[in-house]
Protein backbone atom coordinates (compact mmCIF):
# COMPACT_ATOMS: atom_id res chain seq x y z
CA MET A 1 -29.62 96.85 -20.09
CA LEU A 2 -32.01 94.56 -18.02
CA LEU A 3 -30.06 91.67 -18.16
CA ALA A 4 -27.04 93.59 -17.07
CA LYS A 5 -28.88 94.51 -13.99
CA ILE A 6 -30.14 91.38 -13.19
CA TYR A 7 -26.89 89.93 -13.17
CA ILE A 8 -25.07 92.99 -11.85
CA ILE A 9 -27.74 93.22 -8.45
CA PRO A 10 -26.95 89.96 -6.83
CA SER A 11 -23.50 90.30 -6.86
CA LEU A 12 -23.47 94.04 -5.64
CA ILE A 13 -25.93 92.62 -2.60
CA LYS A 14 -23.93 90.07 -1.52
CA SER A 15 -21.25 92.78 -1.18
CA LEU A 16 -22.65 94.74 0.63
CA MET A 17 -23.70 92.10 3.28
CA ILE A 18 -19.92 90.71 3.09
CA SER A 19 -19.30 94.12 3.64
CA ILE A 20 -21.71 94.63 7.16
CA PHE A 21 -19.30 91.59 8.38
CA LEU A 22 -16.13 92.42 7.30
CA SER A 23 -16.80 96.06 8.79
CA SER A 24 -17.81 93.90 12.24
CA GLY A 25 -14.55 92.45 12.48
CA LEU A 26 -12.71 95.55 11.42
CA LEU A 27 -14.30 97.61 14.34
CA CYS A 28 -13.43 95.17 16.72
CA ILE A 29 -9.40 95.61 14.80
CA LEU A 30 -9.65 99.06 15.31
CA LEU A 31 -10.69 99.03 18.91
CA MET A 32 -8.18 96.57 19.99
CA ILE A 33 -5.66 98.93 18.33
CA GLN A 34 -7.19 102.03 20.23
CA ARG A 35 -7.69 99.52 23.63
CA PHE A 36 -3.70 98.25 24.16
CA ILE A 37 -1.45 100.05 21.55
CA PHE A 38 -2.27 103.28 21.96
CA ASN A 39 -3.98 102.46 26.08
CA ASN A 40 -6.96 104.06 25.06
CA ILE A 41 -9.87 102.50 27.11
CA ASP A 42 -12.40 105.69 26.54
CA ILE A 43 -15.35 104.67 24.37
CA ASN A 44 -15.32 105.82 20.78
CA TYR A 45 -18.82 107.05 20.02
CA TYR A 46 -17.57 109.03 17.15
CA GLY A 47 -16.60 105.73 15.21
CA LEU A 48 -19.23 103.35 16.77
CA LEU A 49 -21.75 106.01 15.27
CA ILE A 50 -20.02 105.27 11.89
CA TYR A 51 -20.15 101.84 12.12
CA ALA A 52 -23.76 101.78 12.63
CA LEU A 53 -24.24 104.39 10.05
CA ILE A 54 -22.53 102.76 7.92
CA VAL A 55 -24.67 98.78 8.60
CA ILE A 56 -27.89 100.57 9.12
CA ALA A 57 -26.77 102.11 5.20
CA CYS A 58 -25.78 98.81 3.97
CA LEU A 59 -28.78 96.73 5.18
CA ILE A 60 -31.13 99.97 3.75
CA LEU A 61 -29.11 99.66 -0.03
CA THR A 62 -29.46 95.92 0.35
CA MET A 63 -33.22 95.84 0.95
CA MET A 64 -33.81 99.12 -1.89
CA MET A 65 -31.36 96.35 -4.70
CA TYR A 66 -33.56 93.41 -3.63
CA ALA A 67 -36.75 95.16 -4.30
CA TYR A 68 -35.84 96.51 -7.66
CA LEU A 69 -34.35 93.20 -8.70
CA GLN A 70 -37.81 91.63 -7.63
CA THR A 71 -39.30 94.10 -10.14
CA LEU A 72 -36.73 93.90 -13.02
CA SER A 73 -37.90 90.30 -12.82
CA LYS A 74 -41.59 90.54 -13.23
CA LYS A 75 -41.38 92.94 -16.55
CA GLU A 76 -42.77 91.43 -19.72
CA GLU A 77 -39.02 92.06 -20.78
CA TRP A 78 -37.70 89.69 -18.31
CA TYR A 79 -40.81 87.74 -19.87
CA HIS A 80 -39.88 88.27 -23.24
CA LEU A 81 -35.60 87.51 -22.71
CA ILE A 82 -36.75 84.06 -21.35
CA ASN A 83 -38.78 83.48 -24.48
CA GLU A 84 -36.19 84.56 -26.60
CA GLY A 85 -33.48 82.12 -25.20
CA ILE A 86 -36.46 79.04 -25.10
CA ALA A 87 -36.78 79.59 -29.00
CA VAL A 88 -32.62 79.72 -29.12
CA ILE A 89 -32.73 76.39 -27.28
CA LYS A 90 -34.55 75.00 -29.80
CA ASP A 91 -33.67 76.25 -32.87
CA GLY A 92 -30.10 74.79 -31.37
CA GLU A 93 -28.55 78.50 -32.60
CA TYR A 94 -26.05 78.32 -29.43
CA SER A 95 -23.12 76.38 -28.10
CA GLN A 96 -24.03 73.67 -25.33
CA SER A 97 -20.46 73.63 -24.50
CA ALA A 98 -20.08 77.47 -23.66
CA ILE A 99 -22.57 77.03 -21.05
CA TYR A 100 -21.46 73.99 -19.61
CA ASP A 101 -18.19 75.61 -19.42
CA HIS A 102 -19.63 78.13 -17.24
CA GLY A 103 -20.40 75.59 -14.08
CA PRO A 104 -23.72 73.89 -12.57
CA LEU A 105 -25.29 76.54 -11.98
CA ILE A 106 -25.94 77.64 -14.82
CA VAL A 107 -25.75 74.01 -16.39
CA GLY A 108 -29.34 73.53 -13.98
CA LYS A 109 -30.52 76.53 -15.50
CA TYR A 110 -29.86 75.50 -18.66
CA VAL A 111 -31.84 72.13 -18.02
CA ALA A 112 -34.93 73.73 -16.58
CA LEU A 113 -35.15 76.14 -19.14
CA ARG A 114 -34.93 73.35 -22.14
CA ASP A 115 -37.21 70.59 -20.32
CA LYS A 116 -40.42 72.37 -18.70
CA GLY A 117 -39.57 76.00 -20.26
CA HIS A 118 -39.26 77.96 -17.41
CA PHE A 119 -36.52 78.81 -14.65
CA GLU A 120 -38.01 76.64 -11.10
CA ALA A 121 -38.96 79.07 -8.82
CA LYS A 122 -37.19 78.89 -5.23
CA LYS A 123 -38.00 80.81 -2.38
CA GLY A 124 -35.90 82.34 0.24
CA PHE A 125 -33.93 85.46 0.21
CA PHE A 126 -30.40 84.61 -1.12
CA HIS A 127 -31.94 81.43 -3.40
CA ILE A 128 -33.55 84.81 -4.94
CA ILE A 129 -30.93 86.77 -5.89
CA SER A 130 -28.87 83.66 -6.92
CA ASP A 131 -31.17 82.34 -9.28
CA ARG A 132 -31.72 85.78 -10.99
CA LYS A 133 -27.77 86.70 -11.48
CA ASP A 134 -27.54 82.94 -13.05
CA GLU A 135 -30.92 83.37 -15.37
CA ALA A 136 -29.80 86.34 -16.85
CA ALA A 137 -26.05 84.44 -17.13
CA LEU A 138 -27.83 81.94 -18.85
CA LEU A 139 -29.89 84.23 -21.25
CA ALA A 140 -26.63 86.11 -22.22
CA LEU A 141 -25.59 82.70 -23.58
CA LEU A 142 -27.75 82.46 -25.38
CA LEU A 143 -28.22 85.60 -26.82
CA GLY A 144 -25.04 86.06 -27.34
CA ASP A 145 -25.02 88.95 -25.33
CA GLU A 146 -21.84 89.83 -23.03
CA ILE A 147 -21.78 89.06 -19.39
CA PRO A 148 -20.61 92.55 -17.82
CA LYS A 149 -17.77 92.52 -16.01
CA VAL A 150 -19.16 93.12 -11.82
CA GLN A 151 -15.64 93.10 -10.44
CA LYS A 152 -15.20 96.45 -9.76
CA TYR A 153 -17.97 96.96 -8.98
CA LYS A 154 -18.14 94.91 -6.20
CA LEU A 155 -14.71 95.73 -4.72
CA LEU A 156 -16.24 99.00 -4.51
CA PHE A 157 -19.20 98.08 -2.19
CA MET A 158 -17.06 95.85 -0.49
CA VAL A 159 -13.89 98.40 -0.05
CA ALA A 160 -15.31 101.49 0.07
CA PRO A 161 -17.50 101.43 4.06
CA LEU A 162 -14.20 99.49 5.53
CA CYS A 163 -12.44 102.72 3.95
CA LEU A 164 -15.51 104.97 5.60
CA LEU A 165 -14.49 103.31 8.44
CA LEU A 166 -11.03 103.20 9.02
CA ILE A 167 -10.94 106.99 8.41
CA SER A 168 -13.49 107.48 11.28
CA PHE A 169 -10.72 106.49 13.97
CA ILE A 170 -7.55 108.11 12.43
CA PRO A 171 -9.03 111.27 14.78
CA THR A 172 -9.07 108.98 17.58
CA TYR A 173 -5.72 107.50 16.98
CA ILE A 174 -3.32 110.76 16.45
CA GLN A 175 -5.36 112.40 19.50
CA SER A 176 -4.33 109.05 21.41
CA TYR A 177 -0.64 109.14 20.06
CA ALA A 178 -0.91 112.21 21.30
CA LYS A 179 -1.95 111.92 24.59
CA LEU A 180 0.64 108.79 24.82
CA GLN A 181 3.66 111.28 24.50
CA ASP A 182 2.41 113.27 26.95
CA GLN A 183 1.92 110.81 29.39
CA LYS A 184 5.07 108.99 29.00
CA GLU A 185 6.70 112.80 29.19
CA ILE A 186 5.51 112.94 32.82
CA LEU A 187 6.50 109.41 33.58
CA SER A 188 10.53 109.69 32.75
CA SER A 189 10.03 113.06 34.54
CA SER A 190 8.43 111.61 37.69
CA LEU A 191 10.89 108.00 37.55
CA ASP A 192 13.59 110.40 37.19
CA LYS A 193 12.88 112.38 39.98
CA ILE A 194 12.56 109.43 42.83
CA SER A 195 15.62 108.25 41.49
CA SER A 196 17.70 111.44 41.64
CA VAL A 197 16.26 111.64 45.94
CA PHE A 198 16.57 107.49 46.11
CA GLU A 199 20.25 108.28 45.34
CA THR A 200 21.17 110.56 47.75
CA GLU A 201 21.37 108.28 50.15
CA CYS A 202 20.24 104.65 48.72
CA ASP A 203 23.49 102.08 48.19
CA TYR A 204 21.99 101.79 44.16
CA VAL A 205 19.18 102.66 42.92
CA TYR A 206 16.42 100.66 40.08
CA SER A 207 14.19 102.36 38.07
CA ASP A 208 12.12 100.96 35.42
CA ASP A 209 12.18 102.09 31.63
CA PRO A 210 9.35 104.20 30.63
CA ASN A 211 9.60 103.09 27.24
CA ASP A 212 8.05 99.80 28.38
CA ALA A 213 4.68 98.77 28.19
CA TYR A 214 3.88 98.01 31.87
CA TYR A 215 1.01 97.88 34.05
CA SER A 216 2.53 99.81 36.92
CA TYR A 217 5.89 100.93 37.10
CA TYR A 218 8.72 101.06 39.44
CA VAL A 219 11.67 102.83 41.71
CA SER A 220 13.59 100.98 43.94
CA GLY A 221 16.42 102.42 46.44
CA TYR A 222 17.93 99.87 48.48
CA LEU A 223 20.79 99.69 51.43
CA GLU A 224 23.22 97.41 52.55
CA ASP A 225 24.62 96.00 54.84
CA ASP A 226 29.24 96.18 55.88
CA ASP A 227 29.27 93.28 53.73
CA HIS A 228 27.61 94.62 50.73
CA HIS A 229 24.45 92.24 50.81
CA ASP A 230 20.77 94.27 50.65
CA TYR A 231 18.86 94.19 54.09
CA ALA A 232 16.35 96.87 53.01
CA TYR A 233 14.49 98.86 50.41
CA VAL A 234 12.07 101.37 49.87
CA ASN A 235 9.48 101.21 46.05
CA VAL A 236 7.55 103.50 44.73
CA SER A 237 4.98 102.35 42.11
CA LEU A 238 3.61 104.60 39.82
CA ASN A 239 0.70 104.35 37.34
CA LYS A 240 0.94 104.88 33.37
CA GLU A 241 -0.09 108.51 34.06
CA GLY A 242 3.00 109.01 36.31
CA VAL A 243 1.67 109.43 39.47
CA ILE A 244 2.39 107.27 43.04
CA ASP A 245 -0.35 103.92 43.92
CA GLY A 246 1.84 102.60 45.88
CA VAL A 247 4.56 102.51 48.50
CA SER A 248 6.42 99.18 50.10
CA TYR A 249 9.57 98.84 52.31
CA SER A 250 11.17 95.51 53.43
CA ILE A 251 13.50 95.82 56.22
CA ASP A 252 15.81 92.64 57.12
CA ILE A 253 15.85 91.08 60.60
CA ASP A 254 18.89 89.11 61.82
CA VAL A 255 17.77 86.33 63.95
CA ASN A 256 21.06 86.74 66.07
CA LYS A 257 20.49 90.09 67.51
CA SER A 258 17.99 91.54 70.35
CA LYS A 259 13.92 92.31 69.55
CA GLU A 260 15.50 94.98 70.41
CA GLU A 261 18.42 95.88 68.18
CA ASN A 262 16.73 94.83 65.64
CA LEU A 263 13.16 97.07 66.05
CA GLN A 264 15.86 100.44 66.45
CA LEU A 265 17.11 98.76 63.17
CA ALA A 266 14.04 98.83 61.32
CA GLU A 267 12.63 102.27 63.41
CA ASN A 268 16.07 104.03 62.04
CA THR A 269 15.41 102.75 58.41
CA LEU A 270 11.51 103.80 58.05
CA ASP A 271 12.86 106.98 59.57
CA LEU A 272 15.39 107.05 56.56
CA PHE A 273 12.96 106.04 53.98
CA ASN A 274 10.02 108.64 55.21
CA SER A 275 12.61 111.47 55.24
CA LEU A 276 13.92 110.20 51.71
CA LEU A 277 9.67 110.55 50.37
CA GLN A 278 8.88 113.45 51.65
CA ARG A 279 11.71 114.98 48.95
CA ILE A 280 9.78 113.70 46.63
CA ASP A 281 8.07 116.00 43.93
CA VAL A 282 5.53 113.40 42.22
CA LYS A 283 2.22 113.67 42.11
CA ALA A 284 1.21 111.01 44.75
CA VAL A 285 -3.20 109.34 44.44
CA ASN A 286 -3.81 110.82 47.36
CA GLU A 287 -2.22 111.55 51.20
CA GLU A 288 -1.79 108.46 52.39
CA MET A 289 1.18 107.16 49.94
CA LEU A 290 3.90 109.88 50.82
CA LYS A 291 3.45 110.67 54.79
CA GLU A 292 5.44 109.35 57.27
CA HIS A 293 5.10 105.89 57.84
CA GLU A 294 5.83 103.81 61.04
CA LEU A 295 5.46 100.47 62.97
CA SER A 296 2.69 99.94 64.64
CA ASP A 297 2.35 99.08 68.53
CA SER A 298 0.38 96.24 67.76
CA PHE A 299 2.83 95.10 64.95
CA VAL A 300 5.18 95.92 68.02
CA GLU A 301 4.47 94.12 70.97
CA TRP A 302 3.16 90.92 68.95
CA PHE A 303 7.04 90.82 67.21
CA LEU A 304 8.41 91.31 71.03
CA SER A 305 6.45 88.36 72.48
CA SER A 306 6.58 86.02 69.88
CA SER A 307 9.19 83.79 67.64
CA TYR A 308 11.62 85.27 65.44
CA TYR A 309 10.35 81.95 63.42
CA GLU A 310 6.56 82.92 63.17
CA SER A 311 5.21 84.43 60.36
CA GLU A 312 2.39 86.99 61.09
CA ASP A 313 -0.27 90.01 58.78
CA PHE A 314 -1.33 93.23 60.67
CA MET A 315 -4.10 95.68 58.80
CA ILE A 316 -3.64 98.95 59.70
CA ASN A 317 -5.92 100.76 58.31
CA ASP A 318 -7.82 100.33 54.41
CA GLN A 319 -4.55 101.33 52.80
CA MET A 320 -2.03 99.99 55.21
CA MET A 321 -0.56 96.54 55.87
CA ILE A 322 2.48 95.44 57.97
CA SER A 323 3.33 91.62 57.38
CA TYR A 324 6.26 90.01 59.04
CA TYR A 325 8.00 86.71 57.09
CA SER A 326 9.73 84.23 58.20
CA THR A 327 11.04 80.72 57.47
CA SER A 328 10.37 78.32 59.85
CA LEU A 329 12.22 77.03 62.74
CA GLU A 330 12.83 73.19 61.01
CA GLU A 331 13.88 74.83 58.11
CA TYR A 332 15.72 77.51 59.40
CA ASP A 333 19.51 77.73 57.57
CA ASP A 334 22.20 79.78 55.80
CA TYR A 335 19.60 80.09 54.01
CA GLY A 336 16.66 81.25 55.86
CA ILE A 337 14.84 85.09 55.62
CA SER A 338 12.81 87.18 58.42
CA TYR A 339 11.78 90.67 57.43
CA ILE A 340 9.47 92.99 58.15
CA TYR A 341 7.73 94.27 55.24
CA ILE A 342 5.01 97.33 54.91
CA THR A 343 3.03 98.18 52.21
CA ILE A 344 0.76 101.47 51.35
CA TYR A 345 -1.38 100.86 48.54
CA GLU A 346 -4.38 102.31 46.95
CA PRO A 347 -8.10 101.24 48.52
CA TYR A 348 -10.32 99.93 45.71
């Protein structure tokens, strides 16, 4: 029984140490699953608590078993077994080939016992637990005792903490999945509502699929000219909760028309897009998103006094920017572009 204990305990201590490292790795994996698969960025206090308890329990058990191992190795019974092993070596009542079949560590212990009459003492936590196991294995061979099977115990000590940690995350996963499904339903409803409004006036509408994984989701309504070319569009972005967090407009400028004609077309197009936004029954992050937007006086003044082939940005406030982009005059050809771009975004 003493040999069995001294042989098994070192393996269990190593299993507990391995379990701590495996639990740390599993914790990282479980947290990444929570974050990237279930889109839950909340701190999992319950899972972290279970992990901390597992680590503390493993460390306490390790120290207790180490202390118990040291106590067992100082018993008179242990020294008696060593003396019995020495006697067997002197009498030659053993199979030396069986000892050599068990590897260099066991052989090293055998040589030390044969030549010096005692086991070599080493210091250090891992040296001590490894030595005790090898010494117990050698004495079992010399005395004809069966070396106990430790695989099932090692597996239990390594797997049990991992299973406990995994189980602790299941409620969070179930809750996160349910929340994810609810968000997806709300997002799908919001995208459908915006698309339905845009379809009443726009020539065609594009909407992201709510089942796809994006950081933001978009619905865009496009207007075409008489030649079926896009000349303007309104774009609404939503976060994963189905709440509008950005609006943008793009209106092409025809450099062959006068500034006044282009401004009038831009204002009429903007009025149309504003009327669509007013009919959207979807929650926004703030009132600025869905209110009526217009070209600022500073932009109009600059536009009327500048060339078609310049570019400029105008910060209207901390949520709105009006920009004019154009291909330079030197590079302007049949593929040249000029357009007004208005964006309303959530302030940081």
